[in-house]
Amino acid sequence: MIEARQLTKRYGDKLAVDELTFSVNPGVVTGFLGPNGAGKSTTMRMILGLDRPDGGES
């Protein structure tokens, strides 16, 4: 299972991800959609351990 709880990430005064919480069950195909600049790549980087969240956990 992939889980994120209250993930938050800031770059200076810009809030990139704001207290995001979600879970994905094994074997379930899941889309991760949003407009440009919504924080999709930042969220995936935090889940993969490539970037540290300023708050929350994954």
N, C-alpha and C. Protein backbone atom coordinates (compact mmCIF):
# COMPACT_ATOMS: atom_id res chain seq x y z
N MET A 1 0.84 -1.17 0.00
CA MET A 1 0.00 0.00 0.00
C MET A 1 0.89 1.24 0.00
N ILE A 2 0.46 2.23 -0.73
CA ILE A 2 1.13 3.53 -0.73
C ILE A 2 0.26 4.48 0.09
N GLU A 3 0.88 5.13 1.06
CA GLU A 3 0.13 6.06 1.90
C GLU A 3 0.89 7.37 2.05
N ALA A 4 0.15 8.43 2.08
CA ALA A 4 0.69 9.75 2.40
C ALA A 4 -0.25 10.39 3.40
N ARG A 5 0.32 10.96 4.45
CA ARG A 5 -0.50 11.61 5.48
C ARG A 5 -0.01 13.02 5.74
N GLN A 6 -0.88 13.96 5.47
CA GLN A 6 -0.62 15.37 5.77
C GLN A 6 0.68 15.88 5.13
N LEU A 7 1.01 15.39 3.92
CA LEU A 7 2.24 15.84 3.25
C LEU A 7 2.16 17.32 2.92
N THR A 8 3.20 18.02 3.29
CA THR A 8 3.31 19.45 3.01
C THR A 8 4.71 19.75 2.51
N LYS A 9 4.79 20.59 1.49
CA LYS A 9 6.09 21.01 0.96
C LYS A 9 6.03 22.47 0.55
N ARG A 10 7.02 23.23 1.00
CA ARG A 10 7.15 24.65 0.64
C ARG A 10 8.49 24.86 -0.05
N TYR A 11 8.49 25.78 -0.99
CA TYR A 11 9.72 26.27 -1.61
C TYR A 11 9.73 27.77 -1.34
N GLY A 12 10.46 28.18 -0.32
CA GLY A 12 10.43 29.58 0.09
C GLY A 12 9.04 29.92 0.61
N ASP A 13 8.42 30.93 0.04
CA ASP A 13 7.07 31.30 0.47
C ASP A 13 5.99 30.64 -0.38
N LYS A 14 6.40 29.80 -1.36
CA LYS A 14 5.44 29.11 -2.23
C LYS A 14 5.05 27.76 -1.63
N LEU A 15 3.77 27.56 -1.40
CA LEU A 15 3.25 26.29 -0.90
C LEU A 15 2.99 25.38 -2.09
N ALA A 16 3.79 24.31 -2.22
CA ALA A 16 3.67 23.40 -3.36
C ALA A 16 2.67 22.28 -3.09
N VAL A 17 2.67 21.75 -1.88
CA VAL A 17 1.75 20.68 -1.48
C VAL A 17 1.24 21.04 -0.09
N ASP A 18 -0.07 21.00 0.10
CA ASP A 18 -0.69 21.47 1.34
C ASP A 18 -1.47 20.37 2.04
N GLU A 19 -0.83 19.70 3.01
CA GLU A 19 -1.46 18.69 3.86
C GLU A 19 -2.23 17.63 3.06
N LEU A 20 -1.57 17.04 2.08
CA LEU A 20 -2.17 16.02 1.21
C LEU A 20 -2.20 14.67 1.92
N THR A 21 -3.36 14.02 1.91
CA THR A 21 -3.52 12.69 2.49
C THR A 21 -4.21 11.80 1.47
N PHE A 22 -3.63 10.60 1.20
CA PHE A 22 -4.29 9.63 0.32
C PHE A 22 -3.65 8.26 0.52
N SER A 23 -4.32 7.22 0.02
CA SER A 23 -3.77 5.87 0.04
C SER A 23 -4.15 5.16 -1.25
N VAL A 24 -3.27 4.24 -1.68
CA VAL A 24 -3.49 3.45 -2.88
C VAL A 24 -3.27 2.00 -2.50
N ASN A 25 -4.27 1.16 -2.73
CA ASN A 25 -4.18 -0.26 -2.40
C ASN A 25 -3.40 -1.02 -3.47
N PRO A 26 -2.72 -2.11 -3.08
CA PRO A 26 -1.97 -2.92 -4.05
C PRO A 26 -2.89 -3.46 -5.14
N GLY A 27 -2.39 -3.48 -6.36
CA GLY A 27 -3.13 -4.05 -7.48
C GLY A 27 -4.19 -3.14 -8.07
N VAL A 28 -4.30 -1.93 -7.57
CA VAL A 28 -5.31 -0.99 -8.07
C VAL A 28 -4.62 0.02 -8.98
N VAL A 29 -5.10 0.12 -10.21
CA VAL A 29 -4.58 1.13 -11.14
C VAL A 29 -5.17 2.47 -10.73
N THR A 30 -4.28 3.44 -10.49
CA THR A 30 -4.71 4.74 -9.97
C THR A 30 -4.10 5.86 -10.79
N GLY A 31 -4.89 6.84 -11.14
CA GLY A 31 -4.40 8.02 -11.85
C GLY A 31 -4.08 9.13 -10.86
N PHE A 32 -3.11 9.95 -11.21
CA PHE A 32 -2.70 11.07 -10.37
C PHE A 32 -2.70 12.31 -11.26
N LEU A 33 -3.82 12.99 -11.31
CA LEU A 33 -4.04 14.05 -12.28
C LEU A 33 -4.18 15.41 -11.63
N GLY A 34 -3.81 16.44 -12.36
CA GLY A 34 -3.98 17.81 -11.89
C GLY A 34 -3.35 18.77 -12.88
N PRO A 35 -3.68 20.04 -12.78
CA PRO A 35 -3.11 21.03 -13.70
C PRO A 35 -1.62 21.26 -13.45
N ASN A 36 -0.96 21.91 -14.39
CA ASN A 36 0.44 22.28 -14.21
C ASN A 36 0.60 23.07 -12.92
N GLY A 37 1.64 22.73 -12.17
CA GLY A 37 1.93 23.46 -10.94
C GLY A 37 1.12 23.02 -9.73
N ALA A 38 0.37 21.92 -9.87
CA ALA A 38 -0.49 21.46 -8.76
C ALA A 38 0.27 20.70 -7.68
N GLY A 39 1.52 20.28 -7.96
CA GLY A 39 2.31 19.56 -6.97
C GLY A 39 2.39 18.06 -7.20
N LYS A 40 2.03 17.59 -8.38
CA LYS A 40 2.06 16.15 -8.67
C LYS A 40 3.48 15.59 -8.60
N SER A 41 4.40 16.21 -9.29
CA SER A 41 5.79 15.73 -9.30
C SER A 41 6.42 15.86 -7.92
N THR A 42 6.16 16.94 -7.24
CA THR A 42 6.68 17.14 -5.89
C THR A 42 6.16 16.06 -4.96
N THR A 43 4.88 15.74 -5.06
CA THR A 43 4.29 14.69 -4.23
C THR A 43 4.96 13.35 -4.51
N MET A 44 5.13 12.99 -5.79
CA MET A 44 5.76 11.72 -6.13
C MET A 44 7.21 11.68 -5.65
N ARG A 45 7.92 12.78 -5.74
CA ARG A 45 9.31 12.83 -5.25
C ARG A 45 9.37 12.60 -3.75
N MET A 46 8.41 13.14 -3.01
CA MET A 46 8.38 12.92 -1.56
C MET A 46 8.06 11.46 -1.24
N ILE A 47 7.12 10.86 -1.95
CA ILE A 47 6.75 9.46 -1.71
C ILE A 47 7.94 8.55 -2.00
N LEU A 48 8.71 8.86 -3.05
CA LEU A 48 9.86 8.04 -3.43
C LEU A 48 11.11 8.32 -2.59
N GLY A 49 11.04 9.31 -1.72
CA GLY A 49 12.19 9.64 -0.88
C GLY A 49 13.23 10.50 -1.56
N LEU A 50 12.90 11.08 -2.70
CA LEU A 50 13.84 11.94 -3.42
C LEU A 50 13.81 13.37 -2.92
N ASP A 51 12.77 13.72 -2.17
CA ASP A 51 12.60 15.06 -1.62
C ASP A 51 11.98 14.90 -0.24
N ARG A 52 12.37 15.75 0.70
CA ARG A 52 11.83 15.66 2.06
C ARG A 52 10.62 16.57 2.22
N PRO A 53 9.55 16.04 2.81
CA PRO A 53 8.41 16.92 3.09
C PRO A 53 8.74 17.86 4.25
N ASP A 54 8.10 19.01 4.25
CA ASP A 54 8.23 19.93 5.38
C ASP A 54 7.30 19.53 6.52
N GLY A 55 6.32 18.70 6.20
CA GLY A 55 5.40 18.20 7.21
C GLY A 55 4.74 16.93 6.70
N GLY A 56 4.25 16.11 7.60
CA GLY A 56 3.58 14.87 7.24
C GLY A 56 4.55 13.73 7.02
N GLU A 57 4.02 12.62 6.50
CA GLU A 57 4.84 11.43 6.26
C GLU A 57 4.27 10.61 5.12
N SER A 58 5.17 9.84 4.50
CA SER A 58 4.74 8.93 3.43
C SER A 58 5.37 7.57 3.64
